[in-house]
Amino acid sequence: MNPLIASVLATMFVIIGGVTVLIMLEMTGKTRDNAGKTGLILAHRILGYLFLSLFGFMLFFMIRKVAGFQEELTARAVFHIVLALSLVPLILVKVLVVRRLPQLSEKLPLLGIAIFMLSFGLTGITAGYYVLHRSNLTYTTLSAQDNDVLNMELGKAIMNKKCSKCHSLERVYRAYKSDDGWAGTVNKMALLDSPNITTFDVKQVLNYLIEQQKERQAKNPAGLEDDVGKSLVSSKCSVCHNLDRVFGARKNEKQWTTTVGRMVTTMDEPDFLSEQEKSDIIAFLSRREAIE
């Protein structure tokens, strides 16, 4: 999950938990006003279900992320995991008391406060960390002065570690972009992962992606062109329809040119495809037809 999204969800999580505890304490104080409790009970139930849904959602992504992590976890990450797992038995006990053990209902406020305190700690580790460690990262490009510090192996290691947080590395390795295109993509991703990525990291990753693409192109120009065309078809054509429709069609270059032009007109977005991208898509689909 994207760190920024995780921070937003964590903040919502603790706010909902805090409001739920306040409602529970308010209900505890209304010993005689049963009519006033009805609305509070409904609000508490709705917020409780929302709290559980958010917790389950975040726990699922946390477990999936940790399962795919191949390096040693930091102390902050380990503490975060311990707090998250500690919430599980507390929530289960609270649900058990509400559903099966009403004679222990006087313990619910204490359980609610304990769950809220742990939730607050989780939020401090995620959203709080990003608030306190705001990055001054600016748009970064490569220059001749960077040559002395750029290292392909280091760039590859940083890319494998950072980029795999949000998506498959196959998506990175199969992509084809201009130098400016890679700069735009890497800078955008860096801002999403701020402050966990530095300007130095951006330069190393950007250098690696540009250079490894040049190496691929030198070894197999035609293969790279097919990768480019296939990648563009997958990302652009799937916006409107299933790709089976594209790969099942039988057209020559002229027909594909007409089809792609019609698709761009239908999208009514001048920047949806650049001239180079249109050429790459048409060339890929035409070569595919010729081979088959």
C-alpha atoms as a PDB file:
ATOM      1  CA  MET A   1       0.000   0.000   0.000  1.00  0.00           C
ATOM      2  CA  ASN A   2       1.176   3.499  -0.788  1.00  0.00           C
ATOM      3  CA  PRO A   3       2.677   5.099   2.376  1.00  0.00           C
ATOM      4  CA  LEU A   4       0.641   8.275   1.935  1.00  0.00           C
ATOM      5  CA  ILE A   5      -2.623   6.328   1.630  1.00  0.00           C
ATOM      6  CA  ALA A   6      -1.621   4.218   4.628  1.00  0.00           C
ATOM      7  CA  SER A   7      -1.080   7.379   6.666  1.00  0.00           C
ATOM      8  CA  VAL A   8      -4.499   8.758   5.714  1.00  0.00           C
ATOM      9  CA  LEU A   9      -6.219   5.463   6.569  1.00  0.00           C
ATOM     10  CA  ALA A  10      -4.353   5.262   9.881  1.00  0.00           C
ATOM     11  CA  THR A  11      -5.505   8.780  10.779  1.00  0.00           C
ATOM     12  CA  MET A  12      -9.119   7.902   9.931  1.00  0.00           C
ATOM     13  CA  PHE A  13      -8.713   4.693  11.937  1.00  0.00           C
ATOM     14  CA  VAL A  14      -7.669   6.456  15.150  1.00  0.00           C
ATOM     15  CA  ILE A  15     -10.268   9.234  14.768  1.00  0.00           C
ATOM     16  CA  ILE A  16     -13.065   6.687  14.398  1.00  0.00           C
ATOM     17  CA  GLY A  17     -11.679   4.764  17.375  1.00  0.00           C
ATOM     18  CA  GLY A  18     -11.575   7.898  19.507  1.00  0.00           C
ATOM     19  CA  VAL A  19     -15.138   8.913  18.631  1.00  0.00           C
ATOM     20  CA  THR A  20     -16.335   5.376  19.359  1.00  0.00           C
ATOM     21  CA  VAL A  21     -14.755   5.460  22.820  1.00  0.00           C
ATOM     22  CA  LEU A  22     -16.345   8.839  23.569  1.00  0.00           C
ATOM     23  CA  ILE A  23     -19.755   7.502  22.572  1.00  0.00           C
ATOM     24  CA  MET A  24     -19.224   4.442  24.790  1.00  0.00           C
ATOM     25  CA  LEU A  25     -18.326   6.627  27.768  1.00  0.00           C
ATOM     26  CA  GLU A  26     -21.344   8.839  27.067  1.00  0.00           C
ATOM     27  CA  MET A  27     -23.629   5.786  27.026  1.00  0.00           C
ATOM     28  CA  THR A  28     -22.116   4.594  30.313  1.00  0.00           C
ATOM     29  CA  GLY A  29     -23.044   7.921  31.924  1.00  0.00           C
ATOM     30  CA  LYS A  30     -26.680   7.812  30.700  1.00  0.00           C
ATOM     31  CA  THR A  31     -27.891   5.302  33.299  1.00  0.00           C
ATOM     32  CA  ARG A  32     -31.515   6.538  33.294  1.00  0.00           C
ATOM     33  CA  ASP A  33     -32.047   8.078  29.883  1.00  0.00           C
ATOM     34  CA  ASN A  34     -32.772   4.947  27.829  1.00  0.00           C
ATOM     35  CA  ALA A  35     -34.314   6.964  24.996  1.00  0.00           C
ATOM     36  CA  GLY A  36     -31.099   8.944  24.631  1.00  0.00           C
ATOM     37  CA  LYS A  37     -29.088   5.753  24.407  1.00  0.00           C
ATOM     38  CA  THR A  38     -30.810   4.457  21.243  1.00  0.00           C
ATOM     39  CA  GLY A  39     -29.130   6.917  18.880  1.00  0.00           C
ATOM     40  CA  LEU A  40     -25.792   6.517  20.620  1.00  0.00           C
ATOM     41  CA  ILE A  41     -25.980   2.731  20.378  1.00  0.00           C
ATOM     42  CA  LEU A  42     -26.670   2.933  16.634  1.00  0.00           C
ATOM     43  CA  ALA A  43     -23.819   5.395  16.069  1.00  0.00           C
ATOM     44  CA  HIS A  44     -21.461   3.226  18.161  1.00  0.00           C
ATOM     45  CA  ARG A  45     -22.393   0.136  16.160  1.00  0.00           C
ATOM     46  CA  ILE A  46     -21.877   1.819  12.773  1.00  0.00           C
ATOM     47  CA  LEU A  47     -18.539   3.323  13.790  1.00  0.00           C
ATOM     48  CA  GLY A  48     -17.503   0.005  15.311  1.00  0.00           C
ATOM     49  CA  TYR A  49     -18.101  -1.856  12.049  1.00  0.00           C
ATOM     50  CA  LEU A  50     -16.218   0.848  10.143  1.00  0.00           C
ATOM     51  CA  PHE A  51     -13.337   0.607  12.633  1.00  0.00           C
ATOM     52  CA  LEU A  52     -13.146  -3.175  12.205  1.00  0.00           C
ATOM     53  CA  SER A  53     -13.293  -2.872   8.407  1.00  0.00           C
ATOM     54  CA  LEU A  54     -10.424  -0.383   8.312  1.00  0.00           C
ATOM     55  CA  PHE A  55      -8.361  -2.489  10.690  1.00  0.00           C
ATOM     56  CA  GLY A  56      -8.908  -5.656   8.646  1.00  0.00           C
ATOM     57  CA  PHE A  57      -8.051  -3.814   5.422  1.00  0.00           C
ATOM     58  CA  MET A  58      -4.804  -2.375   6.802  1.00  0.00           C
ATOM     59  CA  LEU A  59      -3.848  -5.636   8.515  1.00  0.00           C
ATOM     60  CA  PHE A  60      -4.252  -7.536   5.231  1.00  0.00           C
ATOM     61  CA  PHE A  61      -1.904  -5.188   3.368  1.00  0.00           C
ATOM     62  CA  MET A  62       0.574  -5.171   6.241  1.00  0.00           C
ATOM     63  CA  ILE A  63       0.788  -8.974   6.284  1.00  0.00           C
ATOM     64  CA  ARG A  64       1.100  -9.132   2.488  1.00  0.00           C
ATOM     65  CA  LYS A  65       3.855  -6.537   2.492  1.00  0.00           C
ATOM     66  CA  VAL A  66       5.811  -8.216   5.298  1.00  0.00           C
ATOM     67  CA  ALA A  67       5.473 -11.616   3.626  1.00  0.00           C
ATOM     68  CA  GLY A  68       7.173 -10.296   0.482  1.00  0.00           C
ATOM     69  CA  PHE A  69       9.906  -8.394   2.320  1.00  0.00           C
ATOM     70  CA  GLN A  70      13.289 -10.018   1.831  1.00  0.00           C
ATOM     71  CA  GLU A  71      15.437  -7.783   4.026  1.00  0.00           C
ATOM     72  CA  GLU A  72      15.650  -7.431   7.800  1.00  0.00           C
ATOM     73  CA  LEU A  73      12.875  -5.286   9.217  1.00  0.00           C
ATOM     74  CA  THR A  74      13.679  -2.039  10.998  1.00  0.00           C
ATOM     75  CA  ALA A  75      12.931  -1.602  14.706  1.00  0.00           C
ATOM     76  CA  ARG A  76      10.107   0.814  13.823  1.00  0.00           C
ATOM     77  CA  ALA A  77       8.539  -1.740  11.471  1.00  0.00           C
ATOM     78  CA  VAL A  78       8.784  -4.528  14.060  1.00  0.00           C
ATOM     79  CA  PHE A  79       7.181  -2.328  16.740  1.00  0.00           C
ATOM     80  CA  HIS A  80       4.422  -1.404  14.286  1.00  0.00           C
ATOM     81  CA  ILE A  81       3.697  -5.082  13.584  1.00  0.00           C
ATOM     82  CA  VAL A  82       3.644  -5.971  17.297  1.00  0.00           C
ATOM     83  CA  LEU A  83       1.161  -3.191  18.053  1.00  0.00           C
ATOM     84  CA  ALA A  84      -1.052  -4.187  15.135  1.00  0.00           C
ATOM     85  CA  LEU A  85      -1.140  -7.842  16.177  1.00  0.00           C
ATOM     86  CA  SER A  86      -1.787  -6.865  19.805  1.00  0.00           C
ATOM     87  CA  LEU A  87      -5.028  -5.262  18.684  1.00  0.00           C
ATOM     88  CA  VAL A  88      -6.359  -8.560  17.325  1.00  0.00           C
ATOM     89  CA  PRO A  89      -6.999 -10.354  20.663  1.00  0.00           C
ATOM     90  CA  LEU A  90      -8.324  -7.175  22.290  1.00  0.00           C
ATOM     91  CA  ILE A  91     -10.840  -6.643  19.491  1.00  0.00           C
ATOM     92  CA  LEU A  92     -11.859 -10.309  19.580  1.00  0.00           C
ATOM     93  CA  VAL A  93     -12.398 -10.143  23.361  1.00  0.00           C
ATOM     94  CA  LYS A  94     -14.488  -6.968  23.002  1.00  0.00           C
ATOM     95  CA  VAL A  95     -16.665  -8.579  20.315  1.00  0.00           C
ATOM     96  CA  LEU A  96     -17.030 -11.701  22.487  1.00  0.00           C
ATOM     97  CA  VAL A  97     -18.152  -9.655  25.496  1.00  0.00           C
ATOM     98  CA  VAL A  98     -20.680  -7.694  23.432  1.00  0.00           C
ATOM     99  CA  ARG A  99     -22.125 -10.778  21.732  1.00  0.00           C
ATOM    100  CA  ARG A 100     -21.837 -13.568  24.298  1.00  0.00           C
ATOM    101  CA  LEU A 101     -20.936 -12.221  27.740  1.00  0.00           C
ATOM    102  CA  PRO A 102     -23.254  -9.286  28.576  1.00  0.00           C
ATOM    103  CA  GLN A 103     -22.550  -9.824  32.308  1.00  0.00           C
ATOM    104  CA  LEU A 104     -19.068  -8.420  31.673  1.00  0.00           C
ATOM    105  CA  SER A 105     -20.310  -5.328  29.850  1.00  0.00           C
ATOM    106  CA  GLU A 106     -18.890  -3.044  32.554  1.00  0.00           C
ATOM    107  CA  LYS A 107     -15.438  -3.981  31.245  1.00  0.00           C
ATOM    108  CA  LEU A 108     -16.173  -2.643  27.755  1.00  0.00           C
ATOM    109  CA  PRO A 109     -15.029   0.947  28.432  1.00  0.00           C
ATOM    110  CA  LEU A 110     -11.639  -0.314  29.615  1.00  0.00           C
ATOM    111  CA  LEU A 111     -11.294  -2.535  26.563  1.00  0.00           C
ATOM    112  CA  GLY A 112     -12.338   0.326  24.306  1.00  0.00           C
ATOM    113  CA  ILE A 113      -9.777   2.681  25.853  1.00  0.00           C
ATOM    114  CA  ALA A 114      -7.024   0.033  25.529  1.00  0.00           C
ATOM    115  CA  ILE A 115      -7.880  -0.514  21.852  1.00  0.00           C
ATOM    116  CA  PHE A 116      -7.902   3.241  21.250  1.00  0.00           C
ATOM    117  CA  MET A 117      -4.497   3.706  22.903  1.00  0.00           C
ATOM    118  CA  LEU A 118      -2.946   0.987  20.735  1.00  0.00           C
ATOM    119  CA  SER A 119      -4.593   2.492  17.648  1.00  0.00           C
ATOM    120  CA  PHE A 120      -3.152   5.873  18.575  1.00  0.00           C
ATOM    121  CA  GLY A 121       0.301   4.289  18.823  1.00  0.00           C
ATOM    122  CA  LEU A 122      -0.085   2.724  15.379  1.00  0.00           C
ATOM    123  CA  THR A 123      -1.070   6.068  13.911  1.00  0.00           C
ATOM    124  CA  GLY A 124       1.922   7.734  15.515  1.00  0.00           C
ATOM    125  CA  ILE A 125       4.215   5.261  13.805  1.00  0.00           C
ATOM    126  CA  THR A 126       2.637   5.773  10.367  1.00  0.00           C
ATOM    127  CA  ALA A 127       0.922   9.133   9.894  1.00  0.00           C
ATOM    128  CA  GLY A 128       2.862  10.761  12.736  1.00  0.00           C
ATOM    129  CA  TYR A 129       6.178   9.673  11.258  1.00  0.00           C
ATOM    130  CA  TYR A 130       5.398  11.259   7.896  1.00  0.00           C
ATOM    131  CA  VAL A 131       4.203  14.506   9.501  1.00  0.00           C
ATOM    132  CA  LEU A 132       7.351  14.840  11.610  1.00  0.00           C
ATOM    133  CA  HIS A 133       9.702  13.862   8.778  1.00  0.00           C
ATOM    134  CA  ARG A 134       8.493  16.030   5.963  1.00  0.00           C
ATOM    135  CA  SER A 135      10.880  15.958   3.053  1.00  0.00           C
ATOM    136  CA  ASN A 136      12.116  18.967   1.097  1.00  0.00           C
ATOM    137  CA  LEU A 137      12.517  16.774  -1.978  1.00  0.00           C
ATOM    138  CA  THR A 138      12.410  18.793  -5.199  1.00  0.00           C
ATOM    139  CA  TYR A 139      12.222  17.731  -8.846  1.00  0.00           C
ATOM    140  CA  THR A 140      15.491  15.943  -9.552  1.00  0.00           C
ATOM    141  CA  THR A 141      17.299  15.305 -12.843  1.00  0.00           C
ATOM    142  CA  LEU A 142      20.764  14.091 -13.780  1.00  0.00           C
ATOM    143  CA  SER A 143      23.655  16.332 -14.711  1.00  0.00           C
ATOM    144  CA  ALA A 144      27.286  15.848 -15.703  1.00  0.00           C
ATOM    145  CA  GLN A 145      28.356  16.673 -12.144  1.00  0.00           C
ATOM    146  CA  ASP A 146      26.578  13.527 -10.903  1.00  0.00           C
ATOM    147  CA  ASN A 147      28.753  11.098 -12.881  1.00  0.00           C
ATOM    148  CA  ASP A 148      31.272  10.681 -10.057  1.00  0.00           C
ATOM    149  CA  VAL A 149      28.659   9.382  -7.595  1.00  0.00           C
ATOM    150  CA  LEU A 150      26.376   7.390  -9.905  1.00  0.00           C
ATOM    151  CA  ASN A 151      26.614   3.619  -9.583  1.00  0.00           C
ATOM    152  CA  MET A 152      24.560   1.072 -11.525  1.00  0.00           C
ATOM    153  CA  GLU A 153      24.601  -1.615  -8.828  1.00  0.00           C
ATOM    154  CA  LEU A 154      23.608   0.848  -6.141  1.00  0.00           C
ATOM    155  CA  GLY A 155      20.837   2.215  -8.346  1.00  0.00           C
ATOM    156  CA  LYS A 156      19.510  -1.295  -8.956  1.00  0.00           C
ATOM    157  CA  ALA A 157      19.540  -2.108  -5.233  1.00  0.00           C
ATOM    158  CA  ILE A 158      17.700   1.104  -4.323  1.00  0.00           C
ATOM    159  CA  MET A 159      15.151   0.576  -7.102  1.00  0.00           C
ATOM    160  CA  ASN A 160      14.446  -3.026  -6.072  1.00  0.00           C
ATOM    161  CA  LYS A 161      13.920  -1.946  -2.471  1.00  0.00           C
ATOM    162  CA  LYS A 162      11.914   1.224  -3.041  1.00  0.00           C
ATOM    163  CA  CYS A 163       9.834   0.489  -6.151  1.00  0.00           C
ATOM    164  CA  SER A 164       8.648  -2.924  -4.965  1.00  0.00           C
ATOM    165  CA  LYS A 165       6.768  -1.249  -2.087  1.00  0.00           C
ATOM    166  CA  CYS A 166       3.906  -0.248  -4.368  1.00  0.00           C
ATOM    167  CA  HIS A 167       3.968  -2.471  -7.465  1.00  0.00           C
ATOM    168  CA  SER A 168       5.645  -5.365  -9.261  1.00  0.00           C
ATOM    169  CA  LEU A 169       9.175  -4.778 -10.548  1.00  0.00           C
ATOM    170  CA  GLU A 170       8.151  -6.389 -13.843  1.00  0.00           C
ATOM    171  CA  ARG A 171       6.180  -3.238 -14.521  1.00  0.00           C
ATOM    172  CA  VAL A 172       9.382  -1.224 -14.149  1.00  0.00           C
ATOM    173  CA  TYR A 173      11.669  -3.467 -16.170  1.00  0.00           C
ATOM    174  CA  ARG A 174       9.267  -3.816 -19.099  1.00  0.00           C
ATOM    175  CA  ALA A 175       8.513  -0.112 -19.398  1.00  0.00           C
ATOM    176  CA  TYR A 176      10.109   2.059 -22.071  1.00  0.00           C
ATOM    177  CA  LYS A 177      10.397   5.812 -21.609  1.00  0.00           C
ATOM    178  CA  SER A 178      12.471   8.747 -22.733  1.00  0.00           C
ATOM    179  CA  ASP A 179      15.000  10.177 -20.266  1.00  0.00           C
ATOM    180  CA  ASP A 180      12.512  12.929 -19.387  1.00  0.00           C
ATOM    181  CA  GLY A 181       9.775  10.313 -19.059  1.00  0.00           C
ATOM    182  CA  TRP A 182      11.797   8.329 -16.523  1.00  0.00           C
ATOM    183  CA  ALA A 183      12.637  11.534 -14.650  1.00  0.00           C
ATOM    184  CA  GLY A 184       8.949  12.407 -14.357  1.00  0.00           C
ATOM    185  CA  THR A 185       7.971   8.926 -13.195  1.00  0.00           C
ATOM    186  CA  VAL A 186      10.755   8.544 -10.627  1.00  0.00           C
ATOM    187  CA  ASN A 187      10.154  11.998  -9.165  1.00  0.00           C
ATOM    188  CA  LYS A 188       6.422  11.328  -8.865  1.00  0.00           C
ATOM    189  CA  MET A 189       7.030   8.027  -7.086  1.00  0.00           C
ATOM    190  CA  ALA A 190       9.631   9.644  -4.820  1.00  0.00           C
ATOM    191  CA  LEU A 191       7.114  12.227  -3.629  1.00  0.00           C
ATOM    192  CA  LEU A 192       4.649   9.456  -2.777  1.00  0.00           C
ATOM    193  CA  ASP A 193       7.271   7.679  -0.657  1.00  0.00           C
ATOM    194  CA  SER A 194       8.664  10.832   0.939  1.00  0.00           C
ATOM    195  CA  PRO A 195      10.533  11.045   3.319  1.00  0.00           C
ATOM    196  CA  ASN A 196      11.837   7.513   2.804  1.00  0.00           C
ATOM    197  CA  ILE A 197      13.632   8.394  -0.413  1.00  0.00           C
ATOM    198  CA  THR A 198      16.274  11.089  -0.839  1.00  0.00           C
ATOM    199  CA  THR A 199      17.518  13.147  -3.768  1.00  0.00           C
ATOM    200  CA  PHE A 200      20.579  10.880  -3.853  1.00  0.00           C
ATOM    201  CA  ASP A 201      18.295   7.824  -4.148  1.00  0.00           C
ATOM    202  CA  VAL A 202      16.323   9.449  -6.980  1.00  0.00           C
ATOM    203  CA  LYS A 203      19.493  10.123  -8.980  1.00  0.00           C
ATOM    204  CA  GLN A 204      20.772   6.573  -8.526  1.00  0.00           C
ATOM    205  CA  VAL A 205      17.462   5.011  -9.573  1.00  0.00           C
ATOM    206  CA  LEU A 206      17.018   7.374 -12.493  1.00  0.00           C
ATOM    207  CA  ASN A 207      20.538   6.648 -13.772  1.00  0.00           C
ATOM    208  CA  TYR A 208      19.997   2.895 -13.468  1.00  0.00           C
ATOM    209  CA  LEU A 209      16.672   2.907 -15.320  1.00  0.00           C
ATOM    210  CA  ILE A 210      18.022   5.007 -18.186  1.00  0.00           C
ATOM    211  CA  GLU A 211      21.215   2.978 -18.559  1.00  0.00           C
ATOM    212  CA  GLN A 212      19.606  -0.467 -18.282  1.00  0.00           C
ATOM    213  CA  GLN A 213      17.116   0.545 -20.960  1.00  0.00           C
ATOM    214  CA  LYS A 214      19.985   1.535 -23.268  1.00  0.00           C
ATOM    215  CA  GLU A 215      21.580  -1.873 -22.653  1.00  0.00           C
ATOM    216  CA  ARG A 216      18.323  -3.673 -23.512  1.00  0.00           C
ATOM    217  CA  GLN A 217      17.951  -1.650 -26.682  1.00  0.00           C
ATOM    218  CA  ALA A 218      21.515  -2.358 -27.755  1.00  0.00           C
ATOM    219  CA  LYS A 219      21.110  -6.117 -27.251  1.00  0.00           C
ATOM    220  CA  ASN A 220      17.719  -6.551 -28.898  1.00  0.00           C
ATOM    221  CA  PRO A 221      16.254  -3.487 -30.609  1.00  0.00           C
ATOM    222  CA  ALA A 222      13.307  -5.343 -32.153  1.00  0.00           C
ATOM    223  CA  GLY A 223      12.493  -7.115 -28.915  1.00  0.00           C
ATOM    224  CA  LEU A 224      12.534  -3.851 -27.033  1.00  0.00           C
ATOM    225  CA  GLU A 225      10.234  -2.262 -29.573  1.00  0.00           C
ATOM    226  CA  ASP A 226       7.782  -5.124 -29.111  1.00  0.00           C
ATOM    227  CA  ASP A 227       7.985  -4.693 -25.335  1.00  0.00           C
ATOM    228  CA  VAL A 228       7.257  -1.002 -25.744  1.00  0.00           C
ATOM    229  CA  GLY A 229       4.281  -1.597 -28.038  1.00  0.00           C
ATOM    230  CA  LYS A 230       2.830  -4.344 -25.869  1.00  0.00           C
ATOM    231  CA  SER A 231       3.228  -2.219 -22.735  1.00  0.00           C
ATOM    232  CA  LEU A 232       1.457   0.710 -24.393  1.00  0.00           C
ATOM    233  CA  VAL A 233      -1.388  -1.486 -25.662  1.00  0.00           C
ATOM    234  CA  SER A 234      -1.863  -2.940 -22.174  1.00  0.00           C
ATOM    235  CA  SER A 235      -1.914   0.446 -20.453  1.00  0.00           C
ATOM    236  CA  LYS A 236      -3.781   2.542 -23.050  1.00  0.00           C
ATOM    237  CA  CYS A 237      -6.180   0.272 -24.940  1.00  0.00           C
ATOM    238  CA  SER A 238      -7.471  -1.430 -21.796  1.00  0.00           C
ATOM    239  CA  VAL A 239      -8.954   1.886 -20.660  1.00  0.00           C
ATOM    240  CA  CYS A 240     -11.976   1.353 -22.923  1.00  0.00           C
ATOM    241  CA  HIS A 241     -12.258  -2.371 -23.630  1.00  0.00           C
ATOM    242  CA  ASN A 242     -10.923  -5.861 -23.037  1.00  0.00           C
ATOM    243  CA  LEU A 243      -7.532  -6.592 -24.614  1.00  0.00           C
ATOM    244  CA  ASP A 244      -8.902  -9.798 -26.173  1.00  0.00           C
ATOM    245  CA  ARG A 245     -10.647  -7.510 -28.628  1.00  0.00           C
ATOM    246  CA  VAL A 246      -7.318  -5.952 -29.595  1.00  0.00           C
ATOM    247  CA  PHE A 247      -5.257  -9.124 -29.865  1.00  0.00           C
ATOM    248  CA  GLY A 248      -8.075 -10.959 -31.621  1.00  0.00           C
ATOM    249  CA  ALA A 249      -8.317  -8.391 -34.427  1.00  0.00           C
ATOM    250  CA  ARG A 250      -6.676  -8.990 -37.806  1.00  0.00           C
ATOM    251  CA  LYS A 251      -5.635  -5.752 -39.503  1.00  0.00           C
ATOM    252  CA  ASN A 252      -2.816  -4.398 -41.620  1.00  0.00           C
ATOM    253  CA  GLU A 253      -0.771  -1.307 -40.813  1.00  0.00           C
ATOM    254  CA  LYS A 254      -3.154   1.073 -42.575  1.00  0.00           C
ATOM    255  CA  GLN A 255      -6.152  -0.362 -40.745  1.00  0.00           C
ATOM    256  CA  TRP A 256      -4.394  -0.192 -37.394  1.00  0.00           C
ATOM    257  CA  THR A 257      -3.485   3.433 -38.088  1.00  0.00           C
ATOM    258  CA  THR A 258      -7.154   4.216 -38.643  1.00  0.00           C
ATOM    259  CA  THR A 259      -8.188   2.282 -35.524  1.00  0.00           C
ATOM    260  CA  VAL A 260      -5.651   3.954 -33.268  1.00  0.00           C
ATOM    261  CA  GLY A 261      -6.573   7.370 -34.649  1.00  0.00           C
ATOM    262  CA  ARG A 262     -10.236   6.681 -33.942  1.00  0.00           C
ATOM    263  CA  MET A 263      -9.398   5.585 -30.404  1.00  0.00           C
ATOM    264  CA  VAL A 264      -7.522   8.824 -29.725  1.00  0.00           C
ATOM    265  CA  THR A 265     -10.443  10.857 -31.110  1.00  0.00           C
ATOM    266  CA  THR A 266     -12.887   8.935 -28.913  1.00  0.00           C
ATOM    267  CA  MET A 267     -10.839   9.632 -25.786  1.00  0.00           C
ATOM    268  CA  ASP A 268     -10.980  13.365 -26.585  1.00  0.00           C
ATOM    269  CA  GLU A 269      -7.689  13.893 -24.751  1.00  0.00           C
ATOM    270  CA  PRO A 270      -4.876  15.413 -26.872  1.00  0.00           C
ATOM    271  CA  ASP A 271      -2.204  14.037 -24.551  1.00  0.00           C
ATOM    272  CA  PHE A 272      -3.652  10.521 -24.300  1.00  0.00           C
ATOM    273  CA  LEU A 273      -1.118   9.265 -26.857  1.00  0.00           C
ATOM    274  CA  SER A 274       1.948  11.070 -28.158  1.00  0.00           C
ATOM    275  CA  GLU A 275       2.941  10.692 -31.795  1.00  0.00           C
ATOM    276  CA  GLN A 276       5.744   8.339 -30.760  1.00  0.00           C
ATOM    277  CA  GLU A 277       3.378   6.215 -28.691  1.00  0.00           C
ATOM    278  CA  LYS A 278       0.910   5.962 -31.569  1.00  0.00           C
ATOM    279  CA  SER A 279       3.734   4.850 -33.869  1.00  0.00           C
ATOM    280  CA  ASP A 280       4.923   2.253 -31.334  1.00  0.00           C
ATOM    281  CA  ILE A 281       1.421   0.781 -30.916  1.00  0.00           C
ATOM    282  CA  ILE A 282       0.756   0.636 -34.661  1.00  0.00           C
ATOM    283  CA  ALA A 283       4.176  -0.914 -35.356  1.00  0.00           C
ATOM    284  CA  PHE A 284       3.729  -3.565 -32.649  1.00  0.00           C
ATOM    285  CA  LEU A 285       0.227  -4.589 -33.758  1.00  0.00           C
ATOM    286  CA  SER A 286       1.239  -4.626 -37.434  1.00  0.00           C
ATOM    287  CA  ARG A 287       4.344  -6.755 -36.781  1.00  0.00           C
ATOM    288  CA  ARG A 288       2.259  -9.124 -34.690  1.00  0.00           C
ATOM    289  CA  GLU A 289      -0.187  -9.554 -37.555  1.00  0.00           C
ATOM    290  CA  ALA A 290       2.633 -10.164 -40.027  1.00  0.00           C
ATOM    291  CA  ILE A 291       4.217 -12.821 -37.824  1.00  0.00           C
ATOM    292  CA  GLU A 292       0.949 -14.653 -37.185  1.00  0.00           C
END
